[in-house]
Amino acid sequence: MSTSENNQIKTNGYIEVICGSMFSGKTKELICRLENAQQNNQRVVCFKPDIDTRYDKSNIVSHDNKKFKSISIKKSEEILNMFKNYDVIGIDEFQFLDKEATEVCSHIANSGKKIIVAGLDMDYLGRPFNFMPRIMALSEKVTKLHAKCDDCSAQGNHTFRKNKSEKLVQIGEKTDYLALCRRCFNKRIKKNE
């Protein structure tokens, strides 16, 4: 085997998930992994749902302002028309995609590509968020990140919505949401009942 063959990164295709509460560093970690892939001479593309316009329409952006070029999509099936020339496909805010997203990711992984998705694993009421449990079950690797609880500074893994809106999807930031530990989350939920 030649030296150049030894240096090639072989992939049989797989799905990796980065999940956690808001403010846990999911997007920052996704960007780090995509940049590492680029440094290893892999061809990388990143997608995000078009409803996420908090910071930028053409980049995914972490809360500490780290950016990575992305393509905004309305439907997950759009990725099927664009992934073939890439080795690594990133998807941010996976929980906001449609129900076909898990099948799209499986199809791409089955074709030998690496998929890295990032998203909230639980909604503002502490329930599994949309299709995140399914993609986590189908993935080869899951990394769960934690924030610092805004109330007591313990390890936070819940996202608490400050307002009374009952809409499942509400794009927001620190003005709208808190990261909380289990105890503080349960206290606030009881107070709002």
C-alpha atoms as a PDB file:
ATOM      1  CA  MET A   1       0.000   0.000   0.000  1.00  0.00           C
ATOM      2  CA  SER A   2       1.412   3.405  -0.963  1.00  0.00           C
ATOM      3  CA  THR A   3       1.836   6.326   1.461  1.00  0.00           C
ATOM      4  CA  SER A   4      -0.936   8.311  -0.243  1.00  0.00           C
ATOM      5  CA  GLU A   5      -3.319   5.367   0.191  1.00  0.00           C
ATOM      6  CA  ASN A   6      -2.443   5.210   3.910  1.00  0.00           C
ATOM      7  CA  ASN A   7      -3.251   8.922   4.338  1.00  0.00           C
ATOM      8  CA  GLN A   8      -6.710   8.689   2.780  1.00  0.00           C
ATOM      9  CA  ILE A   9      -9.572   8.742   5.249  1.00  0.00           C
ATOM     10  CA  LYS A  10     -11.903   5.852   4.543  1.00  0.00           C
ATOM     11  CA  THR A  11     -15.545   6.120   5.453  1.00  0.00           C
ATOM     12  CA  ASN A  12     -18.304   3.573   5.108  1.00  0.00           C
ATOM     13  CA  GLY A  13     -20.835   6.250   5.905  1.00  0.00           C
ATOM     14  CA  TYR A  14     -22.246   7.121   9.288  1.00  0.00           C
ATOM     15  CA  ILE A  15     -24.388   9.559  11.229  1.00  0.00           C
ATOM     16  CA  GLU A  16     -23.154  11.540  14.193  1.00  0.00           C
ATOM     17  CA  VAL A  17     -25.449  13.610  16.439  1.00  0.00           C
ATOM     18  CA  ILE A  18     -24.546  16.571  18.661  1.00  0.00           C
ATOM     19  CA  CYS A  19     -27.429  17.376  20.994  1.00  0.00           C
ATOM     20  CA  GLY A  20     -28.267  19.206  24.202  1.00  0.00           C
ATOM     21  CA  SER A  21     -30.119  22.235  25.533  1.00  0.00           C
ATOM     22  CA  MET A  22     -29.904  25.745  24.211  1.00  0.00           C
ATOM     23  CA  PHE A  23     -26.589  27.464  25.018  1.00  0.00           C
ATOM     24  CA  SER A  24     -24.744  24.151  25.391  1.00  0.00           C
ATOM     25  CA  GLY A  25     -22.387  24.748  22.438  1.00  0.00           C
ATOM     26  CA  LYS A  26     -23.964  22.455  19.811  1.00  0.00           C
ATOM     27  CA  THR A  27     -23.371  24.761  16.848  1.00  0.00           C
ATOM     28  CA  LYS A  28     -19.853  25.609  18.042  1.00  0.00           C
ATOM     29  CA  GLU A  29     -19.041  21.877  18.245  1.00  0.00           C
ATOM     30  CA  LEU A  30     -20.550  21.254  14.798  1.00  0.00           C
ATOM     31  CA  ILE A  31     -18.428  24.059  13.327  1.00  0.00           C
ATOM     32  CA  CYS A  32     -15.322  22.632  15.002  1.00  0.00           C
ATOM     33  CA  ARG A  33     -15.950  19.187  13.506  1.00  0.00           C
ATOM     34  CA  LEU A  34     -16.643  20.596  10.045  1.00  0.00           C
ATOM     35  CA  GLU A  35     -13.460  22.689  10.168  1.00  0.00           C
ATOM     36  CA  ASN A  36     -11.466  19.625  11.270  1.00  0.00           C
ATOM     37  CA  ALA A  37     -12.833  17.701   8.298  1.00  0.00           C
ATOM     38  CA  GLN A  38     -11.741  20.518   5.969  1.00  0.00           C
ATOM     39  CA  GLN A  39      -8.262  20.480   7.506  1.00  0.00           C
ATOM     40  CA  ASN A  40      -8.145  16.762   6.683  1.00  0.00           C
ATOM     41  CA  ASN A  41      -8.826  17.615   3.025  1.00  0.00           C
ATOM     42  CA  GLN A  42     -12.402  16.422   3.130  1.00  0.00           C
ATOM     43  CA  ARG A  43     -15.029  18.219   1.085  1.00  0.00           C
ATOM     44  CA  VAL A  44     -17.582  19.731   3.473  1.00  0.00           C
ATOM     45  CA  VAL A  45     -21.033  21.288   3.091  1.00  0.00           C
ATOM     46  CA  CYS A  46     -23.414  22.499   5.782  1.00  0.00           C
ATOM     47  CA  PHE A  47     -27.183  23.013   5.763  1.00  0.00           C
ATOM     48  CA  LYS A  48     -29.660  24.705   8.074  1.00  0.00           C
ATOM     49  CA  PRO A  49     -33.445  25.182   8.084  1.00  0.00           C
ATOM     50  CA  ASP A  50     -34.429  28.458   6.454  1.00  0.00           C
ATOM     51  CA  ILE A  51     -36.514  29.455   9.500  1.00  0.00           C
ATOM     52  CA  ASP A  52     -33.324  29.963  11.523  1.00  0.00           C
ATOM     53  CA  THR A  53     -32.405  33.548  10.684  1.00  0.00           C
ATOM     54  CA  ARG A  54     -31.291  34.657  14.168  1.00  0.00           C
ATOM     55  CA  TYR A  55     -27.752  35.649  13.216  1.00  0.00           C
ATOM     56  CA  ASP A  56     -27.193  35.138   9.516  1.00  0.00           C
ATOM     57  CA  LYS A  57     -29.000  33.747   6.464  1.00  0.00           C
ATOM     58  CA  SER A  58     -25.925  32.211   4.825  1.00  0.00           C
ATOM     59  CA  ASN A  59     -23.936  30.952   7.834  1.00  0.00           C
ATOM     60  CA  ILE A  60     -24.509  28.862  10.892  1.00  0.00           C
ATOM     61  CA  VAL A  61     -23.413  30.973  13.843  1.00  0.00           C
ATOM     62  CA  SER A  62     -22.626  29.899  17.399  1.00  0.00           C
ATOM     63  CA  HIS A  63     -23.599  32.001  20.418  1.00  0.00           C
ATOM     64  CA  ASP A  64     -19.973  33.146  20.659  1.00  0.00           C
ATOM     65  CA  ASN A  65     -20.158  34.326  17.017  1.00  0.00           C
ATOM     66  CA  LYS A  66     -18.158  31.506  15.380  1.00  0.00           C
ATOM     67  CA  LYS A  67     -19.384  31.125  11.765  1.00  0.00           C
ATOM     68  CA  PHE A  68     -19.444  28.490   9.050  1.00  0.00           C
ATOM     69  CA  LYS A  69     -20.866  28.874   5.539  1.00  0.00           C
ATOM     70  CA  SER A  70     -24.179  27.085   5.134  1.00  0.00           C
ATOM     71  CA  ILE A  71     -27.045  26.581   2.723  1.00  0.00           C
ATOM     72  CA  SER A  72     -30.557  27.390   3.947  1.00  0.00           C
ATOM     73  CA  ILE A  73     -33.182  24.809   3.005  1.00  0.00           C
ATOM     74  CA  LYS A  74     -36.977  24.655   3.238  1.00  0.00           C
ATOM     75  CA  LYS A  75     -37.204  20.841   3.023  1.00  0.00           C
ATOM     76  CA  SER A  76     -34.683  18.183   3.965  1.00  0.00           C
ATOM     77  CA  GLU A  77     -35.073  16.505   0.540  1.00  0.00           C
ATOM     78  CA  GLU A  78     -33.242  19.486  -1.001  1.00  0.00           C
ATOM     79  CA  ILE A  79     -30.037  18.045   0.485  1.00  0.00           C
ATOM     80  CA  LEU A  80     -30.371  15.002  -1.809  1.00  0.00           C
ATOM     81  CA  ASN A  81     -29.699  17.252  -4.831  1.00  0.00           C
ATOM     82  CA  MET A  82     -26.518  18.731  -3.335  1.00  0.00           C
ATOM     83  CA  PHE A  83     -24.584  16.186  -1.230  1.00  0.00           C
ATOM     84  CA  LYS A  84     -22.882  13.987  -3.841  1.00  0.00           C
ATOM     85  CA  ASN A  85     -19.703  16.075  -4.291  1.00  0.00           C
ATOM     86  CA  TYR A  86     -18.997  16.183  -0.540  1.00  0.00           C
ATOM     87  CA  ASP A  87     -17.474  13.805   2.003  1.00  0.00           C
ATOM     88  CA  VAL A  88     -18.958  15.375   5.140  1.00  0.00           C
ATOM     89  CA  ILE A  89     -22.432  16.894   5.405  1.00  0.00           C
ATOM     90  CA  GLY A  90     -23.348  19.048   8.410  1.00  0.00           C
ATOM     91  CA  ILE A  91     -26.887  19.978   9.433  1.00  0.00           C
ATOM     92  CA  ASP A  92     -27.583  22.521  12.184  1.00  0.00           C
ATOM     93  CA  GLU A  93     -30.905  22.914  14.055  1.00  0.00           C
ATOM     94  CA  PHE A  94     -32.014  19.455  12.913  1.00  0.00           C
ATOM     95  CA  GLN A  95     -35.093  19.580  15.170  1.00  0.00           C
ATOM     96  CA  PHE A  96     -36.641  22.219  12.890  1.00  0.00           C
ATOM     97  CA  LEU A  97     -36.538  20.041   9.762  1.00  0.00           C
ATOM     98  CA  ASP A  98     -39.409  17.961   8.400  1.00  0.00           C
ATOM     99  CA  LYS A  99     -40.226  14.319   9.143  1.00  0.00           C
ATOM    100  CA  GLU A 100     -38.307  13.123   6.051  1.00  0.00           C
ATOM    101  CA  ALA A 101     -35.013  14.394   7.509  1.00  0.00           C
ATOM    102  CA  THR A 102     -34.065  11.100   9.179  1.00  0.00           C
ATOM    103  CA  GLU A 103     -34.630   9.162   5.951  1.00  0.00           C
ATOM    104  CA  VAL A 104     -32.595  11.728   4.026  1.00  0.00           C
ATOM    105  CA  CYS A 105     -29.711  11.341   6.496  1.00  0.00           C
ATOM    106  CA  SER A 106     -29.898   7.535   6.349  1.00  0.00           C
ATOM    107  CA  HIS A 107     -29.837   7.611   2.542  1.00  0.00           C
ATOM    108  CA  ILE A 108     -26.781   9.854   2.508  1.00  0.00           C
ATOM    109  CA  ALA A 109     -24.953   7.774   5.139  1.00  0.00           C
ATOM    110  CA  ASN A 110     -25.821   4.597   3.213  1.00  0.00           C
ATOM    111  CA  SER A 111     -24.075   6.118   0.195  1.00  0.00           C
ATOM    112  CA  GLY A 112     -20.813   6.274   2.182  1.00  0.00           C
ATOM    113  CA  LYS A 113     -20.950   9.856   3.423  1.00  0.00           C
ATOM    114  CA  LYS A 114     -20.498  11.213   6.938  1.00  0.00           C
ATOM    115  CA  ILE A 115     -23.434  13.190   8.341  1.00  0.00           C
ATOM    116  CA  ILE A 116     -23.058  15.366  11.445  1.00  0.00           C
ATOM    117  CA  VAL A 117     -26.295  16.852  12.781  1.00  0.00           C
ATOM    118  CA  ALA A 118     -26.761  19.231  15.692  1.00  0.00           C
ATOM    119  CA  GLY A 119     -30.000  20.036  17.465  1.00  0.00           C
ATOM    120  CA  LEU A 120     -32.074  20.318  20.603  1.00  0.00           C
ATOM    121  CA  ASP A 121     -32.891  16.912  22.041  1.00  0.00           C
ATOM    122  CA  MET A 122     -35.780  18.265  24.178  1.00  0.00           C
ATOM    123  CA  ASP A 123     -38.353  21.001  23.644  1.00  0.00           C
ATOM    124  CA  TYR A 124     -39.238  23.799  26.075  1.00  0.00           C
ATOM    125  CA  LEU A 125     -41.473  21.426  28.084  1.00  0.00           C
ATOM    126  CA  GLY A 126     -38.776  18.783  28.526  1.00  0.00           C
ATOM    127  CA  ARG A 127     -40.202  16.399  25.902  1.00  0.00           C
ATOM    128  CA  PRO A 128     -38.167  14.718  23.135  1.00  0.00           C
ATOM    129  CA  PHE A 129     -38.039  17.243  20.265  1.00  0.00           C
ATOM    130  CA  ASN A 130     -39.597  16.218  16.951  1.00  0.00           C
ATOM    131  CA  PHE A 131     -37.384  13.708  15.127  1.00  0.00           C
ATOM    132  CA  MET A 132     -34.254  14.058  17.263  1.00  0.00           C
ATOM    133  CA  PRO A 133     -34.867  10.753  19.117  1.00  0.00           C
ATOM    134  CA  ARG A 134     -35.128   8.929  15.774  1.00  0.00           C
ATOM    135  CA  ILE A 135     -31.901  10.353  14.336  1.00  0.00           C
ATOM    136  CA  MET A 136     -30.139   9.635  17.632  1.00  0.00           C
ATOM    137  CA  ALA A 137     -31.290   6.001  17.479  1.00  0.00           C
ATOM    138  CA  LEU A 138     -30.109   5.657  13.865  1.00  0.00           C
ATOM    139  CA  SER A 139     -26.718   7.282  14.477  1.00  0.00           C
ATOM    140  CA  GLU A 140     -23.372   5.650  15.147  1.00  0.00           C
ATOM    141  CA  LYS A 141     -22.324   8.344  17.625  1.00  0.00           C
ATOM    142  CA  VAL A 142     -24.195  10.729  19.938  1.00  0.00           C
ATOM    143  CA  THR A 143     -22.575  13.558  21.894  1.00  0.00           C
ATOM    144  CA  LYS A 144     -24.763  15.260  24.488  1.00  0.00           C
ATOM    145  CA  LEU A 145     -23.559  18.695  25.562  1.00  0.00           C
ATOM    146  CA  HIS A 146     -24.679  20.641  28.620  1.00  0.00           C
ATOM    147  CA  ALA A 147     -25.032  24.313  29.410  1.00  0.00           C
ATOM    148  CA  LYS A 148     -24.606  26.044  32.759  1.00  0.00           C
ATOM    149  CA  CYS A 149     -27.910  26.380  34.617  1.00  0.00           C
ATOM    150  CA  ASP A 150     -28.978  30.035  34.542  1.00  0.00           C
ATOM    151  CA  ASP A 151     -30.535  29.715  38.018  1.00  0.00           C
ATOM    152  CA  CYS A 152     -28.005  27.742  40.099  1.00  0.00           C
ATOM    153  CA  SER A 153     -24.912  27.237  37.841  1.00  0.00           C
ATOM    154  CA  ALA A 154     -25.208  23.423  37.940  1.00  0.00           C
ATOM    155  CA  GLN A 155     -25.039  21.367  34.748  1.00  0.00           C
ATOM    156  CA  GLY A 156     -28.027  22.441  32.638  1.00  0.00           C
ATOM    157  CA  ASN A 157     -29.676  20.107  30.171  1.00  0.00           C
ATOM    158  CA  HIS A 158     -33.159  21.652  29.835  1.00  0.00           C
ATOM    159  CA  THR A 159     -34.341  24.584  27.742  1.00  0.00           C
ATOM    160  CA  PHE A 160     -36.963  26.736  29.480  1.00  0.00           C
ATOM    161  CA  ARG A 161     -39.052  29.261  27.560  1.00  0.00           C
ATOM    162  CA  LYS A 162     -39.616  32.501  29.459  1.00  0.00           C
ATOM    163  CA  ASN A 163     -42.847  33.518  27.729  1.00  0.00           C
ATOM    164  CA  LYS A 164     -46.220  31.736  27.792  1.00  0.00           C
ATOM    165  CA  SER A 165     -46.356  30.862  24.079  1.00  0.00           C
ATOM    166  CA  GLU A 166     -47.458  27.278  23.445  1.00  0.00           C
ATOM    167  CA  LYS A 167     -46.032  27.096  19.909  1.00  0.00           C
ATOM    168  CA  LEU A 168     -43.564  24.217  19.647  1.00  0.00           C
ATOM    169  CA  VAL A 169     -41.208  26.134  17.373  1.00  0.00           C
ATOM    170  CA  GLN A 170     -40.286  29.634  18.455  1.00  0.00           C
ATOM    171  CA  ILE A 171     -36.888  30.897  17.362  1.00  0.00           C
ATOM    172  CA  GLY A 172     -35.239  32.824  20.154  1.00  0.00           C
ATOM    173  CA  GLU A 173     -32.213  33.700  22.234  1.00  0.00           C
ATOM    174  CA  LYS A 174     -31.272  34.540  25.848  1.00  0.00           C
ATOM    175  CA  THR A 175     -34.145  37.038  25.982  1.00  0.00           C
ATOM    176  CA  ASP A 176     -36.589  34.168  25.304  1.00  0.00           C
ATOM    177  CA  TYR A 177     -34.962  31.059  26.820  1.00  0.00           C
ATOM    178  CA  LEU A 178     -32.956  29.824  29.799  1.00  0.00           C
ATOM    179  CA  ALA A 179     -30.728  26.780  30.177  1.00  0.00           C
ATOM    180  CA  LEU A 180     -31.664  25.004  33.400  1.00  0.00           C
ATOM    181  CA  CYS A 181     -30.740  21.907  35.399  1.00  0.00           C
ATOM    182  CA  ARG A 182     -33.461  19.330  36.101  1.00  0.00           C
ATOM    183  CA  ARG A 183     -34.296  20.721  39.570  1.00  0.00           C
ATOM    184  CA  CYS A 184     -34.559  24.366  38.474  1.00  0.00           C
ATOM    185  CA  PHE A 185     -36.489  23.400  35.328  1.00  0.00           C
ATOM    186  CA  ASN A 186     -39.049  21.450  37.364  1.00  0.00           C
ATOM    187  CA  LYS A 187     -39.401  24.352  39.835  1.00  0.00           C
ATOM    188  CA  ARG A 188     -40.125  26.825  37.042  1.00  0.00           C
ATOM    189  CA  ILE A 189     -42.543  24.466  35.261  1.00  0.00           C
ATOM    190  CA  LYS A 190     -44.531  23.995  38.512  1.00  0.00           C
ATOM    191  CA  LYS A 191     -44.581  27.753  39.104  1.00  0.00           C
ATOM    192  CA  ASN A 192     -46.088  28.270  35.622  1.00  0.00           C
ATOM    193  CA  GLU A 193     -48.855  25.671  36.036  1.00  0.00           C
END
